[in-house]
């Protein structure tokens, strides 16, 4: 295990040709998963959320020789892989080139990788500040993992593999990247504090969900079963899922404003817009149609 960690976190030779090949493979793989894996599953998460991309980014960062090389190679990796994810899907998706509308989020992520990877290179120094720099990634993993755990009761076993990854990869980073005992301890403490903070925030702002057997969306449209909205804030893409309902209806998150969540329900002919929020006065969830 020690030899494997040493190889992964400092023993890989990411030449430019190898980096490009790696980016192409990741892009094609993610595109295939996006088309084949069921929505809301752990295998599909890599096509929607960022947590699965932390590992390749870290591997590139720790296997470079300077901050600038780290920034350039990480940036180029995302610049190639992310557009390729959508480009490969275009011929097989009803949205066609419109699918690139989802690339806007990953476009921003790609440009943020340059400064992030430049600073991130200093985790190789194995100092106290290295642990704090790594905490940005561990915080993301903890936040995502906690959200998946919270939603697990409604979607078991969906995201189970992502949960294992989010919490399991953190000690791998700590022991793979750092050699100094003090750095490992600081990094572990920071990760634990992130977990406590996330659980505390969740406890104070417990998410709400529609759990009634049915609710009327329009005069002639009724969803029967368990029409609660799951995974309302879907890590980056702003998607929402309508669970246990008629598959002929599509639900898409359209915006967030304070405690109000806006979403659209589309059938074959119409699109209906709604505001979804928790009314503290009545102690119930309210769904209002937005004209």
Protein backbone atom coordinates (compact mmCIF):
# COMPACT_ATOMS: atom_id res chain seq x y z
CA UNK A 1 0.00 0.00 0.00
CA UNK A 2 2.82 2.41 0.88
CA UNK A 3 4.48 1.76 -2.47
CA UNK A 4 1.20 2.39 -4.30
CA UNK A 5 0.58 5.66 -2.46
CA UNK A 6 4.16 6.76 -3.12
CA UNK A 7 3.74 5.99 -6.81
CA UNK A 8 0.41 7.80 -7.14
CA UNK A 9 1.33 10.86 -5.12
CA UNK A 10 4.67 11.84 -6.56
CA UNK A 11 5.86 8.97 -8.71
CA UNK A 12 3.79 9.50 -11.86
CA UNK A 13 5.29 11.17 -14.92
CA UNK A 14 2.60 13.39 -16.42
CA UNK A 15 4.32 14.45 -19.63
CA UNK A 16 2.20 16.64 -21.90
CA UNK A 17 1.32 13.77 -24.29
CA UNK A 18 0.31 11.57 -21.36
CA UNK A 19 -1.71 14.38 -19.81
CA UNK A 20 -3.63 14.92 -23.06
CA UNK A 21 -4.31 11.18 -23.40
CA UNK A 22 -5.49 11.11 -19.78
CA UNK A 23 -7.84 14.05 -20.44
CA UNK A 24 -9.28 12.41 -23.57
CA UNK A 25 -9.86 9.12 -21.75
CA UNK A 26 -11.61 10.86 -18.84
CA UNK A 27 -13.75 12.92 -21.22
CA UNK A 28 -14.88 9.92 -23.27
CA UNK A 29 -15.46 7.78 -20.17
CA UNK A 30 -17.59 10.48 -18.54
CA UNK A 31 -19.62 10.93 -21.73
CA UNK A 32 -20.33 7.20 -21.90
CA UNK A 33 -21.34 7.13 -18.25
CA UNK A 34 -23.61 10.15 -18.76
CA UNK A 35 -25.43 8.32 -21.55
CA UNK A 36 -25.56 4.85 -20.00
CA UNK A 37 -25.68 5.18 -16.19
CA UNK A 38 -29.06 6.01 -14.59
CA UNK A 39 -29.55 9.59 -13.41
CA UNK A 40 -28.97 9.97 -9.70
CA UNK A 41 -26.62 6.99 -9.48
CA UNK A 42 -23.03 7.10 -8.26
CA UNK A 43 -21.72 6.21 -11.71
CA UNK A 44 -23.61 9.16 -13.21
CA UNK A 45 -22.34 11.63 -10.59
CA UNK A 46 -19.04 12.23 -12.39
CA UNK A 47 -20.99 13.73 -15.31
CA UNK A 48 -22.84 16.15 -13.04
CA UNK A 49 -20.83 17.00 -9.94
CA UNK A 50 -17.27 17.94 -9.11
CA UNK A 51 -16.23 15.60 -6.31
CA UNK A 52 -15.09 12.76 -8.61
CA UNK A 53 -12.81 15.21 -10.46
CA UNK A 54 -10.88 16.06 -7.29
CA UNK A 55 -8.81 12.88 -7.53
CA UNK A 56 -7.43 13.39 -11.07
CA UNK A 57 -6.78 17.05 -10.26
CA UNK A 58 -4.82 16.16 -7.12
CA UNK A 59 -2.85 13.49 -8.99
CA UNK A 60 -1.80 16.02 -11.61
CA UNK A 61 -0.91 18.65 -9.01
CA UNK A 62 1.32 16.41 -6.86
CA UNK A 63 3.09 14.98 -9.90
CA UNK A 64 4.33 18.31 -11.28
CA UNK A 65 7.57 20.12 -10.51
CA UNK A 66 6.44 23.71 -10.10
CA UNK A 67 3.33 25.77 -9.28
CA UNK A 68 3.13 27.07 -12.86
CA UNK A 69 3.41 23.57 -14.34
CA UNK A 70 0.72 22.41 -11.93
CA UNK A 71 -1.61 25.24 -12.94
CA UNK A 72 -1.04 24.81 -16.68
CA UNK A 73 -1.43 21.04 -16.75
CA UNK A 74 -4.52 21.00 -14.53
CA UNK A 75 -6.10 23.76 -16.60
CA UNK A 76 -5.37 21.98 -19.90
CA UNK A 77 -6.67 18.70 -18.49
CA UNK A 78 -10.06 20.26 -17.73
CA UNK A 79 -10.01 22.35 -20.92
CA UNK A 80 -9.84 19.14 -22.95
CA UNK A 81 -11.87 16.70 -20.87
CA UNK A 82 -14.93 18.79 -20.05
CA UNK A 83 -15.94 19.96 -23.56
CA UNK A 84 -15.27 16.42 -24.77
CA UNK A 85 -17.87 15.11 -22.30
CA UNK A 86 -20.59 17.06 -24.13
CA UNK A 87 -19.13 16.77 -27.62
CA UNK A 88 -19.31 12.96 -27.47
CA UNK A 89 -22.95 13.10 -26.39
CA UNK A 90 -24.20 15.55 -29.04
CA UNK A 91 -24.94 12.94 -31.78
CA UNK A 92 -26.90 10.77 -29.34
CA UNK A 93 -28.82 13.39 -27.37
CA UNK A 94 -32.14 15.01 -28.34
CA UNK A 95 -30.78 18.39 -27.22
CA UNK A 96 -28.02 18.24 -29.83
CA UNK A 97 -25.63 21.17 -29.55
CA UNK A 98 -27.95 22.66 -26.94
CA UNK A 99 -26.35 20.21 -24.54
CA UNK A 100 -23.42 22.61 -24.29
CA UNK A 101 -25.66 24.86 -22.22
CA UNK A 102 -24.62 22.68 -19.27
CA UNK A 103 -20.97 23.40 -20.05
CA UNK A 104 -21.23 26.93 -18.65
CA UNK A 105 -20.69 25.64 -15.11
CA UNK A 106 -17.71 23.49 -16.11
CA UNK A 107 -16.32 26.40 -18.12
CA UNK A 108 -16.11 28.41 -14.89
CA UNK A 109 -14.66 25.43 -13.03
CA UNK A 110 -12.00 25.02 -15.71
CA UNK A 111 -10.74 28.58 -15.36
CA UNK A 112 -10.76 28.35 -11.58
CA UNK A 113 -8.49 25.31 -11.77
CA UNK A 114 -5.56 27.50 -12.88
CA UNK A 115 -5.21 29.58 -9.68
CA UNK A 116 -6.42 26.66 -7.55
CA UNK A 117 -3.77 24.29 -8.92
CA UNK A 118 -1.08 26.98 -8.65
CA UNK A 119 -1.76 27.35 -4.92
CA UNK A 120 -2.56 23.65 -4.57
CA UNK A 121 0.98 22.70 -5.62
CA UNK A 122 2.22 23.84 -2.21
CA UNK A 123 0.60 20.81 -0.54
CA UNK A 124 3.80 19.09 -1.67
CA UNK A 125 5.74 21.15 0.87
CA UNK A 126 4.26 19.03 3.67
CA UNK A 127 3.94 22.01 6.03
CA UNK A 128 1.09 23.24 8.24
CA UNK A 129 -0.12 25.50 5.44
CA UNK A 130 -0.12 22.48 3.11
CA UNK A 131 -2.78 20.91 5.31
CA UNK A 132 -4.86 24.09 5.15
CA UNK A 133 -4.58 24.21 1.36
CA UNK A 134 -5.70 20.58 1.08
CA UNK A 135 -8.63 21.40 3.38
CA UNK A 136 -10.30 23.25 0.49
CA UNK A 137 -10.62 19.92 -1.31
CA UNK A 138 -11.51 17.91 1.79
CA UNK A 139 -14.20 20.48 2.66
CA UNK A 140 -15.76 19.99 -0.78
CA UNK A 141 -15.68 16.22 -0.35
CA UNK A 142 -17.18 16.38 3.15
CA UNK A 143 -19.92 18.81 2.05
CA UNK A 144 -20.86 16.63 -0.92
CA UNK A 145 -20.64 13.43 1.09
CA UNK A 146 -22.92 14.79 3.83
CA UNK A 147 -25.49 15.89 1.24
CA UNK A 148 -25.45 12.42 -0.30
CA UNK A 149 -25.87 10.80 3.12
CA UNK A 150 -28.84 13.05 3.90
CA UNK A 151 -30.53 12.05 0.65
CA UNK A 152 -29.66 8.37 0.98
CA UNK A 153 -32.86 7.51 2.84
CA UNK A 154 -34.91 8.64 -0.15
CA UNK A 155 -32.70 7.19 -2.87
CA UNK A 156 -30.99 4.11 -1.43
CA UNK A 157 -28.64 2.82 -2.76
CA UNK A 158 -28.17 5.76 -5.14
CA UNK A 159 -24.97 7.73 -4.47
CA UNK A 160 -23.74 5.04 -2.06
CA UNK A 161 -20.52 4.60 -4.01
CA UNK A 162 -20.06 8.39 -4.12
CA UNK A 163 -20.47 8.52 -0.32
CA UNK A 164 -17.79 5.86 0.14
CA UNK A 165 -15.52 7.74 -2.26
CA UNK A 166 -16.05 11.17 -0.65
CA UNK A 167 -15.18 10.02 2.85
CA UNK A 168 -12.74 7.26 1.86
CA UNK A 169 -10.50 9.36 -0.39
CA UNK A 170 -9.78 11.92 2.35
CA UNK A 171 -7.49 9.63 4.42
CA UNK A 172 -5.90 8.46 1.17
CA UNK A 173 -4.97 12.07 0.40
CA UNK A 174 -3.73 12.71 3.94
CA UNK A 175 -1.48 9.64 4.11
CA UNK A 176 -0.54 9.65 0.42
CA UNK A 177 0.48 13.30 0.15
CA UNK A 178 1.86 14.06 3.59
CA UNK A 179 4.77 12.34 5.30
CA UNK A 180 5.07 14.56 8.38
CA UNK A 181 2.97 13.42 11.35
CA UNK A 182 2.06 17.00 12.32
CA UNK A 183 0.77 17.78 8.84
CA UNK A 184 -1.35 14.65 8.82
CA UNK A 185 -2.82 15.49 12.23
CA UNK A 186 -3.67 19.07 11.21
CA UNK A 187 -5.25 17.86 7.98
CA UNK A 188 -7.30 15.21 9.80
CA UNK A 189 -8.49 17.73 12.39
CA UNK A 190 -9.53 20.20 9.68
CA UNK A 191 -11.45 17.47 7.82
CA UNK A 192 -13.20 16.49 11.06
CA UNK A 193 -14.12 20.11 11.80
CA UNK A 194 -15.56 20.42 8.29
CA UNK A 195 -17.70 17.36 8.98
CA UNK A 196 -18.93 18.77 12.30
CA UNK A 197 -19.67 22.14 10.71
CA UNK A 198 -21.64 20.56 7.88
CA UNK A 199 -23.67 18.42 10.25
CA UNK A 200 -24.30 21.47 12.44
CA UNK A 201 -25.55 23.53 9.52
CA UNK A 202 -27.79 20.68 8.45
CA UNK A 203 -29.20 20.32 11.97
CA UNK A 204 -30.04 24.04 12.12
CA UNK A 205 -31.44 24.21 8.59
CA UNK A 206 -32.99 20.80 8.11
CA UNK A 207 -33.96 20.40 4.45
CA UNK A 208 -37.64 20.13 3.72
CA UNK A 209 -39.31 17.81 1.26
CA UNK A 210 -42.76 17.16 -0.14
CA UNK A 211 -43.91 13.84 1.26
CA UNK A 212 -47.66 13.93 0.70
CA UNK A 213 -49.22 11.23 -1.46
CA UNK A 214 -50.21 13.67 -4.19
CA UNK A 215 -50.40 17.33 -5.05
CA UNK A 216 -52.08 19.20 -7.89
CA UNK A 217 -49.76 20.98 -10.26
CA UNK A 218 -52.41 22.21 -12.67
CA UNK A 219 -56.17 21.78 -12.71
CA UNK A 220 -55.92 18.70 -14.90
CA UNK A 221 -52.50 17.40 -13.78
CA UNK A 222 -52.00 15.47 -10.57
CA UNK A 223 -48.84 13.68 -9.49
CA UNK A 224 -49.65 10.50 -7.62
CA UNK A 225 -47.31 8.51 -5.39
CA UNK A 226 -44.46 10.24 -3.64
CA UNK A 227 -43.83 13.43 -5.61
CA UNK A 228 -41.13 14.88 -3.37
CA UNK A 229 -38.26 16.74 -4.90
CA UNK A 230 -34.96 15.06 -4.15
CA UNK A 231 -31.44 16.48 -4.46
CA UNK A 232 -32.77 19.98 -5.02
CA UNK A 233 -29.36 21.59 -5.16
CA UNK A 234 -27.61 19.12 -7.41
CA UNK A 235 -23.96 20.14 -7.09
CA UNK A 236 -23.27 22.51 -9.92
CA UNK A 237 -25.81 21.68 -12.58
CA UNK A 238 -28.83 22.99 -10.66
CA UNK A 239 -30.88 19.91 -11.41
CA UNK A 240 -33.76 18.43 -9.47
CA UNK A 241 -35.32 15.00 -9.55
CA UNK A 242 -39.01 14.10 -9.29
CA UNK A 243 -39.01 10.81 -7.43
CA UNK A 244 -41.73 8.18 -7.67
CA UNK A 245 -43.81 10.06 -10.21
CA UNK A 246 -44.96 9.77 -13.81
CA UNK A 247 -41.80 9.52 -15.96
CA UNK A 248 -43.55 11.50 -18.70
CA UNK A 249 -42.89 14.66 -16.70
CA UNK A 250 -39.46 16.26 -16.48
CA UNK A 251 -38.36 18.40 -13.55
CA UNK A 252 -35.53 20.91 -13.74
CA UNK A 253 -34.19 23.30 -11.14
CA UNK A 254 -34.36 26.85 -12.49
CA UNK A 255 -33.06 28.97 -9.64
CA UNK A 256 -32.52 29.62 -5.94
CA UNK A 257 -33.27 32.84 -4.07
CA UNK A 258 -32.77 32.77 -0.32
CA UNK A 259 -34.98 29.99 1.05
CA UNK A 260 -37.05 29.84 -2.15
CA UNK A 261 -36.40 27.10 -4.69
CA UNK A 262 -37.71 27.57 -8.21
CA UNK A 263 -38.30 24.65 -10.54
CA UNK A 264 -40.04 23.79 -13.78
CA UNK A 265 -42.18 20.76 -14.62
CA UNK A 266 -42.45 19.99 -18.31
CA UNK A 267 -44.74 17.58 -20.13
CA UNK A 268 -45.03 17.03 -23.86
CA UNK A 269 -46.83 20.33 -24.44
CA UNK A 270 -46.32 22.76 -21.57
CA UNK A 271 -43.84 24.00 -19.01
CA UNK A 272 -45.09 24.97 -15.55
CA UNK A 273 -42.98 27.09 -13.17
CA UNK A 274 -43.22 26.77 -9.40
CA UNK A 275 -41.78 28.20 -6.21
CA UNK A 276 -41.08 25.71 -3.47
CA UNK A 277 -40.36 26.81 0.12
CA UNK A 278 -40.89 26.10 3.79
CA UNK A 279 -43.39 28.37 5.56
CA UNK A 280 -42.27 28.70 9.20
CA UNK A 281 -45.59 30.27 10.19
CA UNK A 282 -47.68 27.29 9.14
CA UNK A 283 -44.86 24.79 9.57
CA UNK A 284 -45.48 23.25 6.17
CA UNK A 285 -44.04 23.09 2.69
CA UNK A 286 -45.67 25.42 0.18
CA UNK A 287 -45.72 24.95 -3.58
CA UNK A 288 -46.84 28.02 -5.51
CA UNK A 289 -47.29 28.37 -9.24
CA UNK A 290 -45.27 31.21 -10.76
CA UNK A 291 -47.09 32.98 -13.56
